[in-house]
């Protein structure tokens, strides 16, 4: 997979991750990872650069703060998990 396809795309109106408050479990901030389709990602504000072609049936992963705020969208679960951990969230999967 190309590097640019693995990046998390965020819009300019996203809150800073450090500024989010949410439920805390045993001293840790919670976030969740949810598998989504391309249409749902676009409804959340995903802007795909014109040079990247994604199939309509692509599986994407959204990382959300516990309050529902979308933190980012990526093309694989591992990068969503890593982004959560790097920003001091405890990631949970949602099915």
Protein backbone atom coordinates (compact mmCIF):
# COMPACT_ATOMS: atom_id res chain seq x y z
CA UNK A 1 0.00 0.00 0.00
CA UNK A 2 1.28 3.47 -0.85
CA UNK A 3 2.34 5.75 1.99
CA UNK A 4 -0.23 8.42 1.14
CA UNK A 5 -3.02 5.81 1.34
CA UNK A 6 -2.02 4.99 4.92
CA UNK A 7 -2.15 8.52 6.24
CA UNK A 8 -4.94 9.70 8.49
CA UNK A 9 -6.96 12.43 6.78
CA UNK A 10 -8.43 15.13 8.98
CA UNK A 11 -10.22 18.35 8.18
CA UNK A 12 -9.03 21.72 9.46
CA UNK A 13 -11.96 22.00 11.88
CA UNK A 14 -10.99 18.95 13.95
CA UNK A 15 -10.34 19.62 17.63
CA UNK A 16 -6.84 19.10 18.91
CA UNK A 17 -6.58 15.59 20.33
CA UNK A 18 -4.92 16.86 23.50
CA UNK A 19 -7.93 19.13 24.19
CA UNK A 20 -10.53 16.34 24.25
CA UNK A 21 -12.02 15.26 27.52
CA UNK A 22 -13.97 12.08 27.69
CA UNK A 23 -14.78 9.17 29.93
CA UNK A 24 -11.84 7.93 31.90
CA UNK A 25 -11.41 4.31 32.94
CA UNK A 26 -8.83 3.65 35.64
CA UNK A 27 -7.09 6.93 34.80
CA UNK A 28 -7.03 6.38 31.01
CA UNK A 29 -8.89 8.25 28.25
CA UNK A 30 -10.98 5.94 26.10
CA UNK A 31 -11.33 6.02 22.32
CA UNK A 32 -12.90 3.57 19.94
CA UNK A 33 -12.10 2.18 16.51
CA UNK A 34 -14.95 1.44 14.15
CA UNK A 35 -14.84 -0.19 10.70
CA UNK A 36 -16.67 2.00 8.16
CA UNK A 37 -17.29 2.21 4.43
CA UNK A 38 -16.25 4.97 2.05
CA UNK A 39 -19.70 6.62 2.01
CA UNK A 40 -19.78 6.83 5.80
CA UNK A 41 -16.23 8.21 5.85
CA UNK A 42 -17.16 10.91 3.35
CA UNK A 43 -20.21 11.78 5.47
CA UNK A 44 -17.80 12.28 8.39
CA UNK A 45 -15.80 14.76 6.33
CA UNK A 46 -13.14 12.58 4.71
CA UNK A 47 -11.62 14.32 1.71
CA UNK A 48 -9.72 11.93 -0.54
CA UNK A 49 -7.03 13.64 -2.65
CA UNK A 50 -7.75 13.36 -6.38
CA UNK A 51 -4.61 11.30 -7.01
CA UNK A 52 -5.82 8.52 -4.69
CA UNK A 53 -8.41 6.10 -6.06
CA UNK A 54 -10.33 4.08 -3.48
CA UNK A 55 -12.73 1.29 -4.47
CA UNK A 56 -16.34 1.79 -3.37
CA UNK A 57 -16.17 -1.34 -1.18
CA UNK A 58 -12.98 -0.27 0.67
CA UNK A 59 -12.93 -0.91 4.40
CA UNK A 60 -11.75 2.08 6.44
CA UNK A 61 -11.33 2.61 10.16
CA UNK A 62 -12.51 5.65 12.10
CA UNK A 63 -10.95 6.58 15.43
CA UNK A 64 -13.40 8.35 17.74
CA UNK A 65 -13.01 9.93 21.15
CA UNK A 66 -15.36 8.48 23.73
CA UNK A 67 -17.69 11.46 23.25
CA UNK A 68 -18.11 10.56 19.56
CA UNK A 69 -15.75 13.17 18.11
CA UNK A 70 -14.02 11.79 15.01
CA UNK A 71 -10.27 11.95 15.54
CA UNK A 72 -9.20 10.46 12.22
CA UNK A 73 -9.85 7.94 9.48
CA UNK A 74 -7.34 5.47 8.10
CA UNK A 75 -7.21 2.41 5.88
CA UNK A 76 -6.11 -0.12 8.49
CA UNK A 77 -6.93 -1.02 12.05
CA UNK A 78 -3.29 -1.05 13.19
CA UNK A 79 -2.71 2.60 12.28
CA UNK A 80 -5.94 3.65 14.04
CA UNK A 81 -4.79 1.72 17.12
CA UNK A 82 -1.31 3.27 16.96
CA UNK A 83 -2.73 6.79 16.63
CA UNK A 84 -4.86 6.22 19.71
CA UNK A 85 -1.96 4.92 21.78
CA UNK A 86 0.41 7.67 20.60
CA UNK A 87 -2.13 10.25 21.80
CA UNK A 88 -2.62 8.65 25.23
CA UNK A 89 -5.97 7.01 24.53
CA UNK A 90 -6.92 3.45 25.41
CA UNK A 91 -8.33 2.10 22.13
CA UNK A 92 -11.41 -0.12 22.04
CA UNK A 93 -12.93 -1.80 19.00
CA UNK A 94 -16.58 -1.34 18.07
CA UNK A 95 -18.31 -3.93 15.90
